PDB file of N, CA and C in Angstrom:
ATOM      1  N   UNK A   1     -16.637 -48.798  -5.712  1.00  0.00           N
ATOM      2  CA  UNK A   1     -15.665 -47.750  -5.451  1.00  0.00           C
ATOM      3  C   UNK A   1     -14.309 -48.439  -5.241  1.00  0.00           C
ATOM      4  N   UNK A   2     -13.243 -47.904  -5.894  1.00  0.00           N
ATOM      5  CA  UNK A   2     -11.951 -48.450  -5.751  1.00  0.00           C
ATOM      6  C   UNK A   2     -11.088 -47.579  -4.853  1.00  0.00           C
ATOM      7  N   UNK A   3     -10.018 -48.189  -4.322  1.00  0.00           N
ATOM      8  CA  UNK A   3      -9.107 -47.406  -3.457  1.00  0.00           C
ATOM      9  C   UNK A   3      -8.140 -46.686  -4.341  1.00  0.00           C
ATOM     10  N   UNK A   4      -7.708 -45.511  -3.951  1.00  0.00           N
ATOM     11  CA  UNK A   4      -6.699 -44.761  -4.712  1.00  0.00           C
ATOM     12  C   UNK A   4      -5.297 -45.321  -4.479  1.00  0.00           C
ATOM     13  N   UNK A   5      -4.577 -45.389  -5.547  1.00  0.00           N
ATOM     14  CA  UNK A   5      -3.229 -45.981  -5.461  1.00  0.00           C
ATOM     15  C   UNK A   5      -2.299 -44.966  -4.769  1.00  0.00           C
ATOM     16  N   UNK A   6      -1.324 -45.453  -4.047  1.00  0.00           N
ATOM     17  CA  UNK A   6      -0.322 -44.560  -3.441  1.00  0.00           C
ATOM     18  C   UNK A   6      -0.869 -43.919  -2.182  1.00  0.00           C
ATOM     19  N   UNK A   7      -1.871 -44.514  -1.566  1.00  0.00           N
ATOM     20  CA  UNK A   7      -2.375 -43.958  -0.295  1.00  0.00           C
ATOM     21  C   UNK A   7      -1.449 -44.089   0.862  1.00  0.00           C
ATOM     22  N   UNK A   8      -1.669 -43.386   1.905  1.00  0.00           N
ATOM     23  CA  UNK A   8      -0.806 -43.391   3.055  1.00  0.00           C
ATOM     24  C   UNK A   8      -1.008 -44.763   3.809  1.00  0.00           C
ATOM     25  N   UNK A   9       0.038 -45.211   4.400  1.00  0.00           N
ATOM     26  CA  UNK A   9      -0.037 -46.409   5.219  1.00  0.00           C
ATOM     27  C   UNK A   9       0.442 -46.068   6.621  1.00  0.00           C
ATOM     28  N   UNK A  10      -0.181 -46.701   7.610  1.00  0.00           N
ATOM     29  CA  UNK A  10       0.201 -46.483   8.992  1.00  0.00           C
ATOM     30  C   UNK A  10       1.461 -47.252   9.300  1.00  0.00           C
ATOM     31  N   UNK A  11       2.322 -46.727  10.147  1.00  0.00           N
ATOM     32  CA  UNK A  11       3.513 -47.375  10.546  1.00  0.00           C
ATOM     33  C   UNK A  11       3.134 -48.578  11.441  1.00  0.00           C
ATOM     34  N   UNK A  12       3.875 -49.649  11.298  1.00  0.00           N
ATOM     35  CA  UNK A  12       3.540 -50.841  12.072  1.00  0.00           C
ATOM     36  C   UNK A  12       4.275 -50.892  13.363  1.00  0.00           C
ATOM     37  N   UNK A  13       5.260 -50.025  13.571  1.00  0.00           N
ATOM     38  CA  UNK A  13       6.100 -50.046  14.762  1.00  0.00           C
ATOM     39  C   UNK A  13       5.223 -49.596  15.977  1.00  0.00           C
ATOM     40  N   UNK A  14       5.680 -49.941  17.153  1.00  0.00           N
ATOM     41  CA  UNK A  14       5.001 -49.566  18.359  1.00  0.00           C
ATOM     42  C   UNK A  14       5.388 -48.194  18.894  1.00  0.00           C
ATOM     43  N   UNK A  15       6.297 -47.504  18.209  1.00  0.00           N
ATOM     44  CA  UNK A  15       6.694 -46.175  18.726  1.00  0.00           C
ATOM     45  C   UNK A  15       5.723 -45.096  18.369  1.00  0.00           C
ATOM     46  N   UNK A  16       5.836 -43.972  19.090  1.00  0.00           N
ATOM     47  CA  UNK A  16       4.969 -42.818  18.855  1.00  0.00           C
ATOM     48  C   UNK A  16       5.249 -42.213  17.477  1.00  0.00           C
ATOM     49  N   UNK A  17       4.250 -41.579  16.845  1.00  0.00           N
ATOM     50  CA  UNK A  17       4.471 -40.914  15.554  1.00  0.00           C
ATOM     51  C   UNK A  17       5.544 -39.856  15.636  1.00  0.00           C
ATOM     52  N   UNK A  18       6.331 -39.672  14.591  1.00  0.00           N
ATOM     53  CA  UNK A  18       7.364 -38.649  14.526  1.00  0.00           C
ATOM     54  C   UNK A  18       6.821 -37.318  14.080  1.00  0.00           C
ATOM     55  N   UNK A  19       5.732 -37.329  13.319  1.00  0.00           N
ATOM     56  CA  UNK A  19       5.093 -36.059  12.844  1.00  0.00           C
ATOM     57  C   UNK A  19       3.602 -36.151  13.031  1.00  0.00           C
ATOM     58  N   UNK A  20       2.971 -34.915  13.045  1.00  0.00           N
ATOM     59  CA  UNK A  20       1.507 -34.901  13.238  1.00  0.00           C
ATOM     60  C   UNK A  20       0.722 -35.624  12.211  1.00  0.00           C
ATOM     61  N   UNK A  21       1.270 -35.932  11.074  1.00  0.00           N
ATOM     62  CA  UNK A  21       0.514 -36.584   9.982  1.00  0.00           C
ATOM     63  C   UNK A  21       0.539 -38.111  10.130  1.00  0.00           C
ATOM     64  N   UNK A  22       1.387 -38.648  10.973  1.00  0.00           N
ATOM     65  CA  UNK A  22       1.415 -40.110  11.182  1.00  0.00           C
ATOM     66  C   UNK A  22       0.337 -40.454  12.189  1.00  0.00           C
ATOM     67  N   UNK A  23      -0.500 -41.410  11.887  1.00  0.00           N
ATOM     68  CA  UNK A  23      -1.602 -41.818  12.737  1.00  0.00           C
ATOM     69  C   UNK A  23      -1.024 -42.694  13.853  1.00  0.00           C
ATOM     70  N   UNK A  24      -1.283 -42.382  15.142  1.00  0.00           N
ATOM     71  CA  UNK A  24      -0.821 -43.209  16.232  1.00  0.00           C
ATOM     72  C   UNK A  24      -1.491 -44.601  16.202  1.00  0.00           C
ATOM     73  N   UNK A  25      -0.800 -45.599  16.612  1.00  0.00           N
ATOM     74  CA  UNK A  25      -1.386 -46.901  16.704  1.00  0.00           C
ATOM     75  C   UNK A  25      -2.355 -46.946  17.811  1.00  0.00           C
ATOM     76  N   UNK A  26      -3.313 -47.924  17.713  1.00  0.00           N
ATOM     77  CA  UNK A  26      -4.364 -48.047  18.728  1.00  0.00           C
ATOM     78  C   UNK A  26      -3.716 -48.285  20.064  1.00  0.00           C
ATOM     79  N   UNK A  27      -4.178 -47.616  21.071  1.00  0.00           N
ATOM     80  CA  UNK A  27      -3.705 -47.795  22.424  1.00  0.00           C
ATOM     81  C   UNK A  27      -2.575 -46.783  22.831  1.00  0.00           C
ATOM     82  N   UNK A  28      -2.008 -46.037  21.853  1.00  0.00           N
ATOM     83  CA  UNK A  28      -1.023 -45.041  22.170  1.00  0.00           C
ATOM     84  C   UNK A  28      -1.741 -43.805  22.640  1.00  0.00           C
ATOM     85  N   UNK A  29      -1.064 -42.999  23.477  1.00  0.00           N
ATOM     86  CA  UNK A  29      -1.599 -41.742  23.925  1.00  0.00           C
ATOM     87  C   UNK A  29      -1.715 -40.756  22.789  1.00  0.00           C
ATOM     88  N   UNK A  30      -2.722 -39.992  22.822  1.00  0.00           N
ATOM     89  CA  UNK A  30      -2.964 -38.924  21.855  1.00  0.00           C
ATOM     90  C   UNK A  30      -4.245 -38.220  22.289  1.00  0.00           C
ATOM     91  N   UNK A  31      -4.067 -37.012  22.792  1.00  0.00           N
ATOM     92  CA  UNK A  31      -5.213 -36.314  23.309  1.00  0.00           C
ATOM     93  C   UNK A  31      -5.911 -35.464  22.247  1.00  0.00           C
ATOM     94  N   UNK A  32      -6.842 -34.687  22.672  1.00  0.00           N
ATOM     95  CA  UNK A  32      -7.637 -33.839  21.736  1.00  0.00           C
ATOM     96  C   UNK A  32      -6.770 -32.854  20.971  1.00  0.00           C
ATOM     97  N   UNK A  33      -5.699 -32.318  21.652  1.00  0.00           N
ATOM     98  CA  UNK A  33      -4.829 -31.350  20.935  1.00  0.00           C
ATOM     99  C   UNK A  33      -4.169 -32.040  19.797  1.00  0.00           C
ATOM    100  N   UNK A  34      -3.678 -33.224  19.969  1.00  0.00           N
ATOM    101  CA  UNK A  34      -2.972 -33.956  18.897  1.00  0.00           C
ATOM    102  C   UNK A  34      -3.942 -34.299  17.777  1.00  0.00           C
ATOM    103  N   UNK A  35      -5.174 -34.638  18.136  1.00  0.00           N
ATOM    104  CA  UNK A  35      -6.171 -35.032  17.121  1.00  0.00           C
ATOM    105  C   UNK A  35      -6.565 -33.764  16.317  1.00  0.00           C
ATOM    106  N   UNK A  36      -6.727 -32.661  16.957  1.00  0.00           N
ATOM    107  CA  UNK A  36      -7.140 -31.433  16.228  1.00  0.00           C
ATOM    108  C   UNK A  36      -5.983 -31.007  15.333  1.00  0.00           C
ATOM    109  N   UNK A  37      -4.738 -31.100  15.779  1.00  0.00           N
ATOM    110  CA  UNK A  37      -3.599 -30.717  14.947  1.00  0.00           C
ATOM    111  C   UNK A  37      -3.461 -31.599  13.754  1.00  0.00           C
ATOM    112  N   UNK A  38      -3.656 -32.925  13.933  1.00  0.00           N
ATOM    113  CA  UNK A  38      -3.655 -33.892  12.854  1.00  0.00           C
ATOM    114  C   UNK A  38      -4.727 -33.584  11.826  1.00  0.00           C
ATOM    115  N   UNK A  39      -5.947 -33.338  12.298  1.00  0.00           N
ATOM    116  CA  UNK A  39      -7.069 -33.040  11.403  1.00  0.00           C
ATOM    117  C   UNK A  39      -6.798 -31.752  10.641  1.00  0.00           C
ATOM    118  N   UNK A  40      -6.353 -30.702  11.314  1.00  0.00           N
ATOM    119  CA  UNK A  40      -6.054 -29.447  10.586  1.00  0.00           C
ATOM    120  C   UNK A  40      -5.031 -29.600   9.461  1.00  0.00           C
ATOM    121  N   UNK A  41      -4.012 -30.346   9.734  1.00  0.00           N
ATOM    122  CA  UNK A  41      -2.941 -30.536   8.763  1.00  0.00           C
ATOM    123  C   UNK A  41      -3.405 -31.415   7.599  1.00  0.00           C
ATOM    124  N   UNK A  42      -4.140 -32.474   7.912  1.00  0.00           N
ATOM    125  CA  UNK A  42      -4.621 -33.377   6.879  1.00  0.00           C
ATOM    126  C   UNK A  42      -5.648 -32.753   6.009  1.00  0.00           C
ATOM    127  N   UNK A  43      -6.563 -32.021   6.624  1.00  0.00           N
ATOM    128  CA  UNK A  43      -7.594 -31.324   5.815  1.00  0.00           C
ATOM    129  C   UNK A  43      -7.023 -30.248   4.916  1.00  0.00           C
ATOM    130  N   UNK A  44      -5.937 -29.615   5.399  1.00  0.00           N
ATOM    131  CA  UNK A  44      -5.275 -28.597   4.553  1.00  0.00           C
ATOM    132  C   UNK A  44      -4.699 -29.236   3.278  1.00  0.00           C
ATOM    133  N   UNK A  45      -4.172 -30.459   3.381  1.00  0.00           N
ATOM    134  CA  UNK A  45      -3.711 -31.151   2.183  1.00  0.00           C
ATOM    135  C   UNK A  45      -4.905 -31.533   1.292  1.00  0.00           C
ATOM    136  N   UNK A  46      -5.985 -31.961   1.879  1.00  0.00           N
ATOM    137  CA  UNK A  46      -7.173 -32.283   1.092  1.00  0.00           C
ATOM    138  C   UNK A  46      -7.779 -31.071   0.337  1.00  0.00           C
ATOM    139  N   UNK A  47      -7.674 -29.902   0.982  1.00  0.00           N
ATOM    140  CA  UNK A  47      -8.175 -28.679   0.376  1.00  0.00           C
ATOM    141  C   UNK A  47      -7.353 -28.419  -0.906  1.00  0.00           C
ATOM    142  N   UNK A  48      -6.015 -28.526  -0.805  1.00  0.00           N
ATOM    143  CA  UNK A  48      -5.161 -28.303  -1.944  1.00  0.00           C
ATOM    144  C   UNK A  48      -5.440 -29.308  -3.070  1.00  0.00           C
ATOM    145  N   UNK A  49      -5.699 -30.532  -2.692  1.00  0.00           N
ATOM    146  CA  UNK A  49      -6.022 -31.554  -3.735  1.00  0.00           C
ATOM    147  C   UNK A  49      -7.335 -31.197  -4.415  1.00  0.00           C
ATOM    148  N   UNK A  50      -8.367 -30.868  -3.625  1.00  0.00           N
ATOM    149  CA  UNK A  50      -9.668 -30.500  -4.203  1.00  0.00           C
ATOM    150  C   UNK A  50      -9.541 -29.269  -5.115  1.00  0.00           C
ATOM    151  N   UNK A  51      -8.760 -28.273  -4.704  1.00  0.00           N
ATOM    152  CA  UNK A  51      -8.560 -27.117  -5.481  1.00  0.00           C
ATOM    153  C   UNK A  51      -7.831 -27.379  -6.817  1.00  0.00           C
ATOM    154  N   UNK A  52      -6.818 -28.264  -6.749  1.00  0.00           N
ATOM    155  CA  UNK A  52      -6.100 -28.643  -7.899  1.00  0.00           C
ATOM    156  C   UNK A  52      -6.984 -29.296  -8.985  1.00  0.00           C
ATOM    157  N   UNK A  53      -7.984 -30.016  -8.522  1.00  0.00           N
ATOM    158  CA  UNK A  53      -8.865 -30.714  -9.427  1.00  0.00           C
ATOM    159  C   UNK A  53     -10.167 -30.005  -9.639  1.00  0.00           C
ATOM    160  N   UNK A  54     -10.197 -28.761  -9.191  1.00  0.00           N
ATOM    161  CA  UNK A  54     -11.365 -27.878  -9.372  1.00  0.00           C
ATOM    162  C   UNK A  54     -12.659 -28.455  -8.821  1.00  0.00           C
ATOM    163  N   UNK A  55     -12.520 -29.072  -7.694  1.00  0.00           N
ATOM    164  CA  UNK A  55     -13.707 -29.610  -7.009  1.00  0.00           C
ATOM    165  C   UNK A  55     -14.170 -28.540  -5.969  1.00  0.00           C
ATOM    166  N   UNK A  56     -14.838 -27.600  -6.489  1.00  0.00           N
ATOM    167  CA  UNK A  56     -15.155 -26.335  -5.737  1.00  0.00           C
ATOM    168  C   UNK A  56     -15.957 -26.570  -4.467  1.00  0.00           C
ATOM    169  N   UNK A  57     -17.025 -27.336  -4.541  1.00  0.00           N
ATOM    170  CA  UNK A  57     -17.838 -27.593  -3.339  1.00  0.00           C
ATOM    171  C   UNK A  57     -17.032 -28.379  -2.269  1.00  0.00           C
ATOM    172  N   UNK A  58     -16.318 -29.403  -2.677  1.00  0.00           N
ATOM    173  CA  UNK A  58     -15.504 -30.148  -1.759  1.00  0.00           C
ATOM    174  C   UNK A  58     -14.403 -29.243  -1.176  1.00  0.00           C
ATOM    175  N   UNK A  59     -13.772 -28.422  -2.006  1.00  0.00           N
ATOM    176  CA  UNK A  59     -12.780 -27.483  -1.538  1.00  0.00           C
ATOM    177  C   UNK A  59     -13.348 -26.581  -0.477  1.00  0.00           C
ATOM    178  N   UNK A  60     -14.537 -26.030  -0.703  1.00  0.00           N
ATOM    179  CA  UNK A  60     -15.180 -25.172   0.210  1.00  0.00           C
ATOM    180  C   UNK A  60     -15.475 -25.818   1.540  1.00  0.00           C
ATOM    181  N   UNK A  61     -16.112 -27.036   1.495  1.00  0.00           N
ATOM    182  CA  UNK A  61     -16.473 -27.780   2.677  1.00  0.00           C
ATOM    183  C   UNK A  61     -15.268 -28.170   3.488  1.00  0.00           C
ATOM    184  N   UNK A  62     -14.171 -28.631   2.793  1.00  0.00           N
ATOM    185  CA  UNK A  62     -12.942 -28.970   3.482  1.00  0.00           C
ATOM    186  C   UNK A  62     -12.303 -27.720   4.119  1.00  0.00           C
ATOM    187  N   UNK A  63     -12.402 -26.604   3.430  1.00  0.00           N
ATOM    188  CA  UNK A  63     -11.833 -25.331   3.910  1.00  0.00           C
ATOM    189  C   UNK A  63     -12.568 -24.973   5.262  1.00  0.00           C
ATOM    190  N   UNK A  64     -13.867 -25.194   5.298  1.00  0.00           N
ATOM    191  CA  UNK A  64     -14.624 -24.950   6.532  1.00  0.00           C
ATOM    192  C   UNK A  64     -14.156 -25.833   7.672  1.00  0.00           C
ATOM    193  N   UNK A  65     -13.905 -27.105   7.330  1.00  0.00           N
ATOM    194  CA  UNK A  65     -13.462 -28.052   8.370  1.00  0.00           C
ATOM    195  C   UNK A  65     -12.057 -27.603   8.846  1.00  0.00           C
ATOM    196  N   UNK A  66     -11.205 -27.159   7.928  1.00  0.00           N
ATOM    197  CA  UNK A  66      -9.874 -26.726   8.322  1.00  0.00           C
ATOM    198  C   UNK A  66      -9.972 -25.467   9.217  1.00  0.00           C
ATOM    199  N   UNK A  67     -10.799 -24.500   8.905  1.00  0.00           N
ATOM    200  CA  UNK A  67     -10.981 -23.341   9.720  1.00  0.00           C
ATOM    201  C   UNK A  67     -11.514 -23.702  11.138  1.00  0.00           C
ATOM    202  N   UNK A  68     -12.398 -24.670  11.225  1.00  0.00           N
ATOM    203  CA  UNK A  68     -12.906 -25.137  12.510  1.00  0.00           C
ATOM    204  C   UNK A  68     -11.791 -25.739  13.333  1.00  0.00           C
ATOM    205  N   UNK A  69     -10.983 -26.601  12.722  1.00  0.00           N
ATOM    206  CA  UNK A  69      -9.885 -27.235  13.462  1.00  0.00           C
ATOM    207  C   UNK A  69      -8.893 -26.208  13.904  1.00  0.00           C
ATOM    208  N   UNK A  70      -8.527 -25.259  13.043  1.00  0.00           N
ATOM    209  CA  UNK A  70      -7.552 -24.268  13.422  1.00  0.00           C
ATOM    210  C   UNK A  70      -8.095 -23.348  14.526  1.00  0.00           C
ATOM    211  N   UNK A  71      -9.351 -23.048  14.528  1.00  0.00           N
ATOM    212  CA  UNK A  71      -9.992 -22.285  15.554  1.00  0.00           C
ATOM    213  C   UNK A  71      -9.933 -23.008  16.891  1.00  0.00           C
ATOM    214  N   UNK A  72     -10.200 -24.273  16.859  1.00  0.00           N
ATOM    215  CA  UNK A  72     -10.122 -25.069  18.100  1.00  0.00           C
ATOM    216  C   UNK A  72      -8.706 -25.121  18.614  1.00  0.00           C
ATOM    217  N   UNK A  73      -7.692 -25.201  17.743  1.00  0.00           N
ATOM    218  CA  UNK A  73      -6.282 -25.131  18.176  1.00  0.00           C
ATOM    219  C   UNK A  73      -6.020 -23.796  18.848  1.00  0.00           C
ATOM    220  N   UNK A  74      -6.506 -22.683  18.265  1.00  0.00           N
ATOM    221  CA  UNK A  74      -6.277 -21.395  18.830  1.00  0.00           C
ATOM    222  C   UNK A  74      -6.879 -21.281  20.188  1.00  0.00           C
ATOM    223  N   UNK A  75      -8.126 -21.667  20.319  1.00  0.00           N
ATOM    224  CA  UNK A  75      -8.873 -21.533  21.589  1.00  0.00           C
ATOM    225  C   UNK A  75      -8.288 -22.370  22.674  1.00  0.00           C
ATOM    226  N   UNK A  76      -7.838 -23.631  22.276  1.00  0.00           N
ATOM    227  CA  UNK A  76      -7.237 -24.448  23.293  1.00  0.00           C
ATOM    228  C   UNK A  76      -5.955 -23.901  23.758  1.00  0.00           C
ATOM    229  N   UNK A  77      -5.204 -23.262  22.857  1.00  0.00           N
ATOM    230  CA  UNK A  77      -3.881 -22.651  23.223  1.00  0.00           C
ATOM    231  C   UNK A  77      -4.119 -21.494  24.202  1.00  0.00           C
ATOM    232  N   UNK A  78      -5.147 -20.688  23.925  1.00  0.00           N
ATOM    233  CA  UNK A  78      -5.472 -19.588  24.831  1.00  0.00           C
ATOM    234  C   UNK A  78      -5.874 -20.048  26.214  1.00  0.00           C
ATOM    235  N   UNK A  79      -6.580 -21.143  26.273  1.00  0.00           N
ATOM    236  CA  UNK A  79      -7.055 -21.653  27.584  1.00  0.00           C
ATOM    237  C   UNK A  79      -5.892 -22.219  28.397  1.00  0.00           C
ATOM    238  N   UNK A  80      -4.884 -22.772  27.706  1.00  0.00           N
ATOM    239  CA  UNK A  80      -3.724 -23.325  28.347  1.00  0.00           C
ATOM    240  C   UNK A  80      -2.834 -22.210  28.919  1.00  0.00           C
ATOM    241  N   UNK A  81      -2.809 -21.082  28.214  1.00  0.00           N
ATOM    242  CA  UNK A  81      -2.008 -19.936  28.669  1.00  0.00           C
ATOM    243  C   UNK A  81      -2.612 -19.251  29.886  1.00  0.00           C
ATOM    244  N   UNK A  82      -3.860 -19.390  30.122  1.00  0.00           N
ATOM    245  CA  UNK A  82      -4.550 -18.699  31.290  1.00  0.00           C
ATOM    246  C   UNK A  82      -4.235 -19.408  32.569  1.00  0.00           C
TER     247      UNK A  82
END
């Protein structure tokens, strides 16, 4: 199996990520809310990619993962408001 060209690279700096799609370096703070937001956004991009290439089963499974991540974001937001 070969690696896809043009893949994302992690920033080497020690600063915190500027956007949710940047992976924090090891040892930096990032709680469950940040992890779920990152997963939801990343999976959404993967769903689009799978759909573009007509990978129906992958698209469906990734869509389910996206729904789960978004639901967790919603429920965590509701708990924080209480």
